[in-house]
């Protein structure tokens, strides 16, 4: 098998893109799970009763984490759309 610089670069790009997507999915899930746990357990309110009623309460923290997860999802979707615009989607699929 002949390895060309273009083929090597293509392989490197696809490998890095796959790792980025896996990491971003893990990040989105972790942020969502963390927001759910903080919201369900009312963590700051338990630790500092009466002092975090208006700001930094669990509901506000949950909303910040949701926005962070949605922003991450937007970044990944934007990269997917850019990739789809560069790749010929009519090419036959590889069989496993």
C-alpha atoms as a PDB file:
ATOM      1  CA  UNK A   1       0.000   0.000   0.000  1.00  0.00           C
ATOM      2  CA  UNK A   2       1.398   3.345  -1.056  1.00  0.00           C
ATOM      3  CA  UNK A   3       1.049   6.151   1.510  1.00  0.00           C
ATOM      4  CA  UNK A   4       0.899   9.602  -0.024  1.00  0.00           C
ATOM      5  CA  UNK A   5       1.116  12.884   1.907  1.00  0.00           C
ATOM      6  CA  UNK A   6      -2.486  13.659   0.900  1.00  0.00           C
ATOM      7  CA  UNK A   7      -3.699  10.266   2.087  1.00  0.00           C
ATOM      8  CA  UNK A   8      -1.826  10.610   5.356  1.00  0.00           C
ATOM      9  CA  UNK A   9      -3.239  14.094   5.886  1.00  0.00           C
ATOM     10  CA  UNK A  10      -6.762  12.859   5.126  1.00  0.00           C
ATOM     11  CA  UNK A  11      -6.368   9.999   7.610  1.00  0.00           C
ATOM     12  CA  UNK A  12      -5.018  12.376  10.275  1.00  0.00           C
ATOM     13  CA  UNK A  13      -7.900  14.815   9.761  1.00  0.00           C
ATOM     14  CA  UNK A  14     -10.547  12.075   9.996  1.00  0.00           C
ATOM     15  CA  UNK A  15      -8.914  10.590  13.113  1.00  0.00           C
ATOM     16  CA  UNK A  16      -8.709  13.961  14.866  1.00  0.00           C
ATOM     17  CA  UNK A  17     -12.267  14.852  13.840  1.00  0.00           C
ATOM     18  CA  UNK A  18     -13.556  11.557  15.251  1.00  0.00           C
ATOM     19  CA  UNK A  19     -11.753  12.135  18.560  1.00  0.00           C
ATOM     20  CA  UNK A  20     -13.079  15.704  18.707  1.00  0.00           C
ATOM     21  CA  UNK A  21     -16.647  14.500  18.182  1.00  0.00           C
ATOM     22  CA  UNK A  22     -16.314  11.815  20.854  1.00  0.00           C
ATOM     23  CA  UNK A  23     -14.843  14.339  23.310  1.00  0.00           C
ATOM     24  CA  UNK A  24     -17.543  16.903  22.565  1.00  0.00           C
ATOM     25  CA  UNK A  25     -20.318  14.336  23.048  1.00  0.00           C
ATOM     26  CA  UNK A  26     -18.765  13.330  26.369  1.00  0.00           C
ATOM     27  CA  UNK A  27     -18.475  16.999  27.363  1.00  0.00           C
ATOM     28  CA  UNK A  28     -22.119  17.698  26.479  1.00  0.00           C
ATOM     29  CA  UNK A  29     -23.299  14.664  28.436  1.00  0.00           C
ATOM     30  CA  UNK A  30     -21.137  15.518  31.456  1.00  0.00           C
ATOM     31  CA  UNK A  31     -22.314  19.140  31.530  1.00  0.00           C
ATOM     32  CA  UNK A  32     -25.949  18.083  31.201  1.00  0.00           C
ATOM     33  CA  UNK A  33     -25.597  15.430  33.897  1.00  0.00           C
ATOM     34  CA  UNK A  34     -23.786  17.889  36.198  1.00  0.00           C
ATOM     35  CA  UNK A  35     -26.524  20.472  35.722  1.00  0.00           C
ATOM     36  CA  UNK A  36     -29.183  17.876  36.489  1.00  0.00           C
ATOM     37  CA  UNK A  37     -27.422  16.705  39.641  1.00  0.00           C
ATOM     38  CA  UNK A  38     -26.858  20.249  40.908  1.00  0.00           C
ATOM     39  CA  UNK A  39     -30.469  21.170  40.175  1.00  0.00           C
ATOM     40  CA  UNK A  40     -31.923  18.038  41.767  1.00  0.00           C
ATOM     41  CA  UNK A  41     -29.782  18.113  44.899  1.00  0.00           C
ATOM     42  CA  UNK A  42     -30.013  21.897  45.468  1.00  0.00           C
ATOM     43  CA  UNK A  43     -26.311  21.843  46.310  1.00  0.00           C
ATOM     44  CA  UNK A  44     -25.524  25.531  46.938  1.00  0.00           C
ATOM     45  CA  UNK A  45     -28.721  26.084  48.909  1.00  0.00           C
ATOM     46  CA  UNK A  46     -27.884  23.164  51.198  1.00  0.00           C
ATOM     47  CA  UNK A  47     -24.362  24.402  51.835  1.00  0.00           C
ATOM     48  CA  UNK A  48     -25.185  28.099  52.212  1.00  0.00           C
ATOM     49  CA  UNK A  49     -28.827  28.397  53.313  1.00  0.00           C
ATOM     50  CA  UNK A  50     -30.312  31.829  52.712  1.00  0.00           C
ATOM     51  CA  UNK A  51     -27.213  33.332  51.084  1.00  0.00           C
ATOM     52  CA  UNK A  52     -27.602  32.123  47.480  1.00  0.00           C
ATOM     53  CA  UNK A  53     -31.316  32.673  47.026  1.00  0.00           C
ATOM     54  CA  UNK A  54     -31.050  35.334  44.294  1.00  0.00           C
ATOM     55  CA  UNK A  55     -27.849  34.401  42.475  1.00  0.00           C
ATOM     56  CA  UNK A  56     -25.741  31.244  42.264  1.00  0.00           C
ATOM     57  CA  UNK A  57     -28.637  29.045  43.270  1.00  0.00           C
ATOM     58  CA  UNK A  58     -28.944  25.582  41.736  1.00  0.00           C
ATOM     59  CA  UNK A  59     -31.594  26.643  39.219  1.00  0.00           C
ATOM     60  CA  UNK A  60     -29.395  29.451  37.850  1.00  0.00           C
ATOM     61  CA  UNK A  61     -26.336  27.173  37.719  1.00  0.00           C
ATOM     62  CA  UNK A  62     -28.397  24.576  35.828  1.00  0.00           C
ATOM     63  CA  UNK A  63     -29.395  27.202  33.245  1.00  0.00           C
ATOM     64  CA  UNK A  64     -25.772  28.286  32.739  1.00  0.00           C
ATOM     65  CA  UNK A  65     -24.708  24.658  32.218  1.00  0.00           C
ATOM     66  CA  UNK A  66     -27.545  24.057  29.737  1.00  0.00           C
ATOM     67  CA  UNK A  67     -26.464  27.098  27.711  1.00  0.00           C
ATOM     68  CA  UNK A  68     -22.867  25.788  27.788  1.00  0.00           C
ATOM     69  CA  UNK A  69     -23.998  22.366  26.516  1.00  0.00           C
ATOM     70  CA  UNK A  70     -26.121  23.929  23.754  1.00  0.00           C
ATOM     71  CA  UNK A  71     -23.198  26.145  22.688  1.00  0.00           C
ATOM     72  CA  UNK A  72     -20.950  23.081  22.489  1.00  0.00           C
ATOM     73  CA  UNK A  73     -23.597  21.289  20.421  1.00  0.00           C
ATOM     74  CA  UNK A  74     -23.796  24.311  18.111  1.00  0.00           C
ATOM     75  CA  UNK A  75     -20.021  24.270  17.592  1.00  0.00           C
ATOM     76  CA  UNK A  76     -20.039  20.579  16.680  1.00  0.00           C
ATOM     77  CA  UNK A  77     -23.013  21.003  14.346  1.00  0.00           C
ATOM     78  CA  UNK A  78     -21.281  23.908  12.612  1.00  0.00           C
ATOM     79  CA  UNK A  79     -18.184  21.763  12.079  1.00  0.00           C
ATOM     80  CA  UNK A  80     -20.354  18.951  10.710  1.00  0.00           C
ATOM     81  CA  UNK A  81     -22.033  21.294   8.235  1.00  0.00           C
ATOM     82  CA  UNK A  82     -18.648  22.644   7.119  1.00  0.00           C
ATOM     83  CA  UNK A  83     -17.378  19.088   6.665  1.00  0.00           C
ATOM     84  CA  UNK A  84     -20.486  18.065   4.689  1.00  0.00           C
ATOM     85  CA  UNK A  85     -20.015  21.033   2.356  1.00  0.00           C
ATOM     86  CA  UNK A  86     -16.448  19.880   1.546  1.00  0.00           C
ATOM     87  CA  UNK A  87     -17.099  16.132   1.178  1.00  0.00           C
ATOM     88  CA  UNK A  88     -18.778  14.476  -1.795  1.00  0.00           C
ATOM     89  CA  UNK A  89     -21.779  12.853  -0.117  1.00  0.00           C
ATOM     90  CA  UNK A  90     -22.687  10.999  -3.315  1.00  0.00           C
ATOM     91  CA  UNK A  91     -19.655   8.735  -3.001  1.00  0.00           C
ATOM     92  CA  UNK A  92     -20.517   5.068  -2.322  1.00  0.00           C
ATOM     93  CA  UNK A  93     -20.346   3.945   1.280  1.00  0.00           C
ATOM     94  CA  UNK A  94     -17.553   1.635   2.302  1.00  0.00           C
ATOM     95  CA  UNK A  95     -18.627  -1.824   3.347  1.00  0.00           C
ATOM     96  CA  UNK A  96     -17.318  -3.242   6.586  1.00  0.00           C
END
